[in-house]
Amino acid sequence: MKSILGIGNALTDILAVLPDDTLLNQFHLPKGSMQHVDMETGDKIWNALKEIGVKYVPGGSAANTITCTSIFGMPSGYIGKIGNDELGNLFKSTMEQFGVKTTMLYGTKSSGRCMVFISGVNAERTFADYMGSALEMGPEDLKPEYFQGYDYFHIEGYLVQNQDLISTAVQMAKEAGCIISIDMASYNVVESNDAFLHNLVDKYVDIVFANETEAKAFTKMEPRAALDEICKHCKIAVVKVGKDGSMVQSGKEYHFIEPWPAAAIDATGAGDTYAAGFLYAHALGMPLRVCGEIGSIIAAKVVEVIGTKIDIPRWRDAKLEIRDLISANEK
């Protein structure tokens, strides 16, 4: 089985169900918003959440993808930066429990975290992000040997803001013979790094994953035309259109992928798991259409749970559905 290495912001999701809005008001967090906070505020919020009970889930876009590829059975590695603290040790050990080979670097700040407040009858989510040591990762941290022996290298788009880091990483990955993929992550990241991202895709990236807003930010076009345009710059382009499915293209080959049936309650992590399914199928040498379908199957499982981690029964169902699909295309 081919192997994959990911690089991303090592963040632990700290999920707490609030009895009321007291904490949101205390820390001036508008319900439903996403705020970046400093270390002092981040520590205060975390300590306050501990008192009402929390769930810890290692997260970050690339970490979510790499965890899934490892569960699929791909030898999987991950590069990230953490603090020498409780959350950092938890992030590392949990990734390793999923079978991921970690290259965890240590920063001077405490570990990054995304504090998720779940409140109200609609389970509305409010975020307070403290990036911590994750933001300290730089090109000087990378070594060519980190990339040796891997067939794929997957980049979390949020890291594009650290242009020196990504430039060094893709050069090392290309020298190691990796197929390079990127998840564009956020339309505002695309907009603010437009020239760099175009150059990166043109020179280094083989597979691009984007949702419709990210694709529009990159091409200034609507989804179908955006797919065509992205495909001119790389070998494979994927544009996801949420509950309406996805589109995949390589050269002149185009497929629309129907969304897999799901009782969706939370779309968090859907794009990350889609990428994992797609790359797993690609590593098996599956046709382009099947790669998209396997991405769709696994994305449908994560939207049925709160958070980014699929439970065991859904993983079991997904693997059966994927095995059947692969078998049908191997005949």
Protein backbone atom coordinates (compact mmCIF):
# COMPACT_ATOMS: atom_id res chain seq x y z
CA MET A 1 0.00 0.00 0.00
CA LYS A 2 1.27 3.46 -0.91
CA SER A 3 1.97 5.87 1.96
CA ILE A 4 1.03 9.46 2.76
CA LEU A 5 2.54 12.30 4.81
CA GLY A 6 0.56 15.33 5.94
CA ILE A 7 1.58 18.70 7.36
CA GLY A 8 -0.71 21.04 9.24
CA ASN A 9 -1.59 23.07 12.31
CA ALA A 10 -1.64 20.66 15.25
CA LEU A 11 -4.74 21.82 17.11
CA THR A 12 -6.77 20.00 19.74
CA ASP A 13 -10.51 20.57 19.57
CA ILE A 14 -11.91 21.09 23.06
CA LEU A 15 -15.67 20.55 22.91
CA ALA A 16 -18.01 21.60 25.70
CA VAL A 17 -21.80 21.60 25.89
CA LEU A 18 -22.86 24.76 27.69
CA PRO A 19 -25.84 24.85 30.08
CA ASP A 20 -26.44 28.51 29.17
CA ASP A 21 -24.71 31.52 27.59
CA THR A 22 -22.86 32.67 30.72
CA LEU A 23 -19.38 31.70 29.48
CA LEU A 24 -20.00 33.16 26.02
CA ASN A 25 -20.95 36.47 27.61
CA GLN A 26 -18.05 36.33 30.09
CA PHE A 27 -15.46 36.03 27.32
CA HIS A 28 -17.31 38.31 24.86
CA LEU A 29 -17.85 35.56 22.29
CA PRO A 30 -20.87 36.22 20.04
CA LYS A 31 -22.87 33.04 19.60
CA GLY A 32 -21.98 31.30 16.32
CA SER A 33 -18.77 33.29 15.81
CA MET A 34 -15.13 32.24 15.43
CA GLN A 35 -12.65 34.36 17.37
CA HIS A 36 -8.85 34.19 17.65
CA VAL A 37 -7.66 34.65 21.23
CA ASP A 38 -4.28 35.18 22.90
CA MET A 39 -2.59 32.70 25.25
CA GLU A 40 -3.85 34.31 28.47
CA THR A 41 -7.46 34.34 27.26
CA GLY A 42 -7.12 30.87 25.78
CA ASP A 43 -5.91 29.46 29.11
CA LYS A 44 -8.71 31.20 31.02
CA ILE A 45 -11.35 29.79 28.66
CA TRP A 46 -9.87 26.29 28.85
CA ASN A 47 -9.83 26.33 32.67
CA ALA A 48 -13.43 27.55 32.72
CA LEU A 49 -14.49 24.77 30.33
CA LYS A 50 -12.82 22.09 32.45
CA GLU A 51 -15.27 22.86 35.23
CA ILE A 52 -18.28 21.91 33.10
CA GLY A 53 -16.67 18.91 31.40
CA VAL A 54 -14.98 18.73 28.01
CA LYS A 55 -14.15 16.31 25.23
CA TYR A 56 -10.70 16.44 23.64
CA VAL A 57 -10.29 15.58 19.94
CA PRO A 58 -7.01 16.10 18.03
CA GLY A 59 -7.88 18.23 15.02
CA GLY A 60 -6.68 20.51 12.29
CA SER A 61 -7.52 19.87 8.65
CA ALA A 62 -4.49 17.77 7.67
CA ALA A 63 -4.57 15.81 10.92
CA ASN A 64 -8.19 14.87 10.22
CA THR A 65 -7.29 13.70 6.71
CA ILE A 66 -4.22 11.73 7.82
CA THR A 67 -6.09 10.05 10.67
CA CYS A 68 -8.64 8.78 8.14
CA THR A 69 -6.04 7.53 5.66
CA SER A 70 -4.41 5.61 8.50
CA ILE A 71 -7.74 4.03 9.46
CA PHE A 72 -8.15 3.03 5.81
CA GLY A 73 -4.86 1.16 6.11
CA MET A 74 -2.48 3.55 4.35
CA PRO A 75 0.87 3.99 6.12
CA SER A 76 0.42 7.59 7.26
CA GLY A 77 2.67 10.24 8.76
CA TYR A 78 2.13 13.74 10.11
CA ILE A 79 4.31 16.79 10.76
CA GLY A 80 3.12 19.45 13.20
CA LYS A 81 4.27 21.62 16.09
CA ILE A 82 3.00 21.43 19.66
CA GLY A 83 3.90 22.73 23.11
CA ASN A 84 5.57 20.53 25.70
CA ASP A 85 2.35 20.24 27.68
CA GLU A 86 -0.74 18.18 28.42
CA LEU A 87 -2.58 19.03 25.21
CA GLY A 88 0.49 18.48 23.06
CA ASN A 89 1.12 15.06 24.56
CA LEU A 90 -2.55 14.19 24.08
CA PHE A 91 -2.44 15.25 20.42
CA LYS A 92 0.66 13.15 19.75
CA SER A 93 -0.49 10.04 21.60
CA THR A 94 -3.97 10.09 20.05
CA MET A 95 -2.60 10.40 16.52
CA GLU A 96 -0.30 7.47 17.24
CA GLN A 97 -3.21 5.43 18.61
CA PHE A 98 -4.79 5.79 15.16
CA GLY A 99 -1.59 4.38 13.67
CA VAL A 100 -0.11 7.66 12.44
CA LYS A 101 3.68 8.04 12.54
CA THR A 102 4.15 11.49 14.04
CA THR A 103 6.99 13.94 13.61
CA MET A 104 5.99 16.33 16.35
CA LEU A 105 8.14 19.44 16.73
CA TYR A 106 8.09 21.43 19.97
CA GLY A 107 7.56 25.18 20.18
CA THR A 108 8.04 27.72 22.97
CA LYS A 109 4.32 28.44 23.38
CA SER A 110 1.60 26.16 24.67
CA SER A 111 -0.16 23.80 22.28
CA GLY A 112 -2.75 25.15 19.87
CA ARG A 113 -6.40 24.53 20.60
CA CYS A 114 -9.81 25.21 19.17
CA MET A 115 -12.35 25.63 21.93
CA VAL A 116 -15.81 24.74 20.73
CA PHE A 117 -18.84 25.89 22.70
CA ILE A 118 -22.00 23.96 21.86
CA SER A 119 -25.11 25.75 23.06
CA GLY A 120 -28.86 26.06 22.66
CA VAL A 121 -31.50 23.69 21.31
CA ASN A 122 -29.93 23.82 17.82
CA ALA A 123 -26.47 22.83 19.13
CA GLU A 124 -25.05 26.04 17.71
CA ARG A 125 -21.28 26.17 17.84
CA THR A 126 -19.06 29.09 18.85
CA PHE A 127 -15.28 28.92 18.41
CA ALA A 128 -12.34 30.44 20.25
CA ASP A 129 -9.03 29.56 18.56
CA TYR A 130 -5.60 29.85 20.15
CA MET A 131 -2.93 28.79 17.63
CA GLY A 132 -0.01 28.64 20.07
CA SER A 133 3.02 26.61 19.03
CA ALA A 134 1.38 25.61 15.74
CA LEU A 135 2.21 29.08 14.39
CA GLU A 136 5.90 28.69 15.29
CA MET A 137 6.57 25.97 12.71
CA GLY A 138 9.02 27.27 10.13
CA PRO A 139 11.21 26.09 7.23
CA GLU A 140 14.15 25.54 9.57
CA ASP A 141 12.15 22.77 11.28
CA LEU A 142 11.98 20.61 8.15
CA LYS A 143 14.49 17.95 7.12
CA PRO A 144 14.59 16.05 3.80
CA GLU A 145 14.50 12.72 5.63
CA TYR A 146 11.02 13.54 6.98
CA PHE A 147 9.71 13.08 3.42
CA GLN A 148 11.67 10.00 2.39
CA GLY A 149 9.65 6.84 1.75
CA TYR A 150 6.29 8.57 1.29
CA ASP A 151 4.30 8.41 -1.95
CA TYR A 152 1.93 11.32 -1.21
CA PHE A 153 2.36 14.64 0.58
CA HIS A 154 -0.82 16.42 1.69
CA ILE A 155 -0.83 20.11 2.62
CA GLU A 156 -3.36 21.88 4.82
CA GLY A 157 -4.24 25.12 3.05
CA TYR A 158 -4.16 27.18 6.23
CA LEU A 159 -0.37 26.77 6.22
CA VAL A 160 -0.08 28.64 2.91
CA GLN A 161 0.04 31.82 4.99
CA ASN A 162 3.47 30.60 6.12
CA GLN A 163 4.93 30.85 2.63
CA ASP A 164 8.56 30.05 3.50
CA LEU A 165 7.48 26.88 5.32
CA ILE A 166 5.36 25.62 2.43
CA SER A 167 7.96 26.52 -0.20
CA THR A 168 10.55 24.44 1.64
CA ALA A 169 8.13 21.59 2.27
CA VAL A 170 7.04 21.17 -1.37
CA GLN A 171 10.63 21.28 -2.60
CA MET A 172 11.60 18.50 -0.20
CA ALA A 173 8.48 16.51 -1.05
CA LYS A 174 9.08 16.82 -4.79
CA GLU A 175 12.71 15.75 -4.38
CA ALA A 176 11.46 12.72 -2.42
CA GLY A 177 9.20 11.81 -5.38
CA CYS A 178 5.88 12.54 -3.65
CA ILE A 179 2.56 13.22 -5.37
CA ILE A 180 1.54 16.54 -3.77
CA SER A 181 -2.04 17.44 -2.85
CA ILE A 182 -3.46 20.54 -1.20
CA ASP A 183 -6.78 21.31 0.43
CA MET A 184 -7.36 25.02 -0.07
CA ALA A 185 -8.98 25.24 3.37
CA SER A 186 -10.58 28.71 3.32
CA TYR A 187 -11.58 31.29 0.70
CA ASN A 188 -10.01 34.14 2.69
CA VAL A 189 -6.68 32.27 2.84
CA VAL A 190 -6.89 31.84 -0.95
CA GLU A 191 -7.69 35.52 -1.49
CA SER A 192 -4.86 36.78 0.72
CA ASN A 193 -2.25 34.44 -0.80
CA ASP A 194 -3.47 34.49 -4.40
CA ALA A 195 -0.18 34.93 -6.30
CA PHE A 196 1.76 32.54 -4.06
CA LEU A 197 -0.94 29.87 -4.28
CA HIS A 198 -1.14 30.06 -8.09
CA ASN A 199 2.64 29.68 -8.32
CA LEU A 200 2.56 26.78 -5.85
CA VAL A 201 -0.10 24.88 -7.78
CA ASP A 202 1.57 25.54 -11.14
CA LYS A 203 4.99 24.31 -10.04
CA TYR A 204 4.39 21.66 -7.40
CA VAL A 205 0.81 20.52 -6.78
CA ASP A 206 -0.68 17.47 -8.50
CA ILE A 207 -4.11 17.31 -6.82
CA VAL A 208 -6.19 20.31 -5.68
CA PHE A 209 -9.21 20.03 -3.36
CA ALA A 210 -11.44 23.12 -3.08
CA ASN A 211 -15.00 23.89 -2.12
CA GLU A 212 -17.05 26.26 -4.25
CA THR A 213 -16.07 29.44 -2.38
CA GLU A 214 -12.37 28.53 -2.41
CA ALA A 215 -12.56 27.62 -6.10
CA LYS A 216 -14.20 30.96 -6.85
CA ALA A 217 -11.55 32.84 -4.87
CA PHE A 218 -8.82 31.03 -6.85
CA THR A 219 -10.35 31.41 -10.32
CA LYS A 220 -13.02 34.16 -10.02
CA MET A 221 -15.42 31.64 -11.64
CA GLU A 222 -18.47 29.59 -10.71
CA PRO A 223 -17.88 25.92 -9.73
CA ARG A 224 -18.02 24.14 -13.09
CA ALA A 225 -15.88 26.72 -14.91
CA ALA A 226 -13.59 26.93 -11.87
CA LEU A 227 -12.98 23.18 -12.09
CA ASP A 228 -11.89 23.55 -15.72
CA GLU A 229 -9.59 26.42 -14.83
CA ILE A 230 -7.96 24.68 -11.84
CA CYS A 231 -7.41 21.59 -13.97
CA LYS A 232 -5.26 23.66 -16.34
CA HIS A 233 -2.79 24.16 -13.49
CA CYS A 234 -2.57 20.64 -12.02
CA LYS A 235 -3.19 16.98 -12.87
CA ILE A 236 -6.42 16.50 -10.90
CA ALA A 237 -8.93 19.09 -9.70
CA VAL A 238 -11.74 18.48 -7.22
CA VAL A 239 -14.46 21.03 -6.48
CA LYS A 240 -16.92 20.15 -3.71
CA VAL A 241 -20.36 21.73 -3.73
CA GLY A 242 -21.56 20.66 -0.28
CA LYS A 243 -24.80 18.71 -0.09
CA ASP A 244 -25.05 18.85 -3.90
CA GLY A 245 -22.02 16.58 -4.36
CA SER A 246 -18.67 17.17 -6.03
CA MET A 247 -16.95 17.39 -9.39
CA VAL A 248 -13.64 15.80 -10.36
CA GLN A 249 -11.56 16.35 -13.47
CA SER A 250 -8.25 15.28 -14.96
CA GLY A 251 -7.45 16.67 -18.40
CA LYS A 252 -10.58 16.12 -20.51
CA GLU A 253 -12.00 13.49 -18.14
CA TYR A 254 -14.84 14.91 -16.03
CA HIS A 255 -17.24 13.32 -13.55
CA PHE A 256 -20.02 14.71 -11.40
CA ILE A 257 -20.17 12.78 -8.12
CA GLU A 258 -23.57 12.46 -6.49
CA PRO A 259 -23.61 13.07 -2.74
CA TRP A 260 -23.79 9.85 -0.74
CA PRO A 261 -27.00 9.60 1.35
CA ALA A 262 -26.58 10.95 4.89
CA ALA A 263 -28.61 12.26 7.81
CA ALA A 264 -26.43 15.34 8.16
CA ILE A 265 -26.19 17.15 11.49
CA ASP A 266 -22.70 18.74 11.38
CA ALA A 267 -20.61 19.41 8.26
CA THR A 268 -17.35 19.88 10.19
CA GLY A 269 -14.57 17.75 8.73
CA ALA A 270 -16.48 16.69 5.62
CA GLY A 271 -13.87 18.14 3.26
CA ASP A 272 -11.01 16.61 5.26
CA THR A 273 -12.51 13.13 5.16
CA TYR A 274 -13.46 13.48 1.47
CA ALA A 275 -9.79 14.15 0.71
CA ALA A 276 -8.78 11.07 2.72
CA GLY A 277 -11.16 8.82 0.79
CA PHE A 278 -10.12 10.27 -2.55
CA LEU A 279 -6.39 9.89 -1.87
CA TYR A 280 -6.83 6.36 -0.52
CA ALA A 281 -8.67 5.33 -3.70
CA HIS A 282 -6.09 7.11 -5.86
CA ALA A 283 -3.32 5.21 -4.08
CA LEU A 284 -5.11 1.98 -5.00
CA GLY A 285 -5.11 3.01 -8.65
CA MET A 286 -8.89 3.40 -8.81
CA PRO A 287 -10.50 5.32 -11.71
CA LEU A 288 -11.06 9.04 -11.17
CA ARG A 289 -14.83 8.62 -10.76
CA VAL A 290 -14.36 5.95 -8.08
CA CYS A 291 -11.90 8.18 -6.19
CA GLY A 292 -14.62 10.83 -5.99
CA GLU A 293 -17.27 8.30 -4.96
CA ILE A 294 -15.13 6.93 -2.14
CA GLY A 295 -14.49 10.49 -0.96
CA SER A 296 -18.25 11.06 -1.01
CA ILE A 297 -18.97 7.88 0.97
CA ILE A 298 -16.66 8.74 3.83
CA ALA A 299 -17.67 12.42 3.90
CA ALA A 300 -21.29 11.29 4.31
CA LYS A 301 -20.35 9.43 7.50
CA VAL A 302 -18.66 12.35 9.24
CA VAL A 303 -21.59 14.74 8.69
CA GLU A 304 -23.77 12.34 10.70
CA VAL A 305 -21.76 12.94 13.90
CA ILE A 306 -20.86 16.00 15.95
CA GLY A 307 -17.21 16.84 15.37
CA THR A 308 -14.65 15.34 13.02
CA LYS A 309 -14.28 11.75 14.27
CA ILE A 310 -16.44 9.00 12.75
CA ASP A 311 -17.68 6.35 15.17
CA ILE A 312 -16.93 2.63 14.80
CA PRO A 313 -20.34 1.55 13.40
CA ARG A 314 -20.16 4.20 10.66
CA TRP A 315 -16.56 3.27 9.85
CA ARG A 316 -17.68 -0.34 9.54
CA ASP A 317 -20.48 0.64 7.16
CA ALA A 318 -18.18 2.89 5.13
CA LYS A 319 -15.55 0.19 4.70
CA LEU A 320 -18.18 -2.31 3.52
CA GLU A 321 -19.62 0.18 1.01
CA ILE A 322 -16.15 1.10 -0.22
CA ARG A 323 -15.07 -2.54 -0.49
CA ASP A 324 -18.10 -3.28 -2.64
CA LEU A 325 -17.39 -0.29 -4.86
CA ILE A 326 -13.74 -1.25 -5.29
CA SER A 327 -14.64 -4.88 -6.02
CA ALA A 328 -17.11 -3.80 -8.69
CA ASN A 329 -14.39 -1.75 -10.40
CA GLU A 330 -11.71 -4.42 -10.22
CA LYS A 331 -13.71 -6.91 -12.31
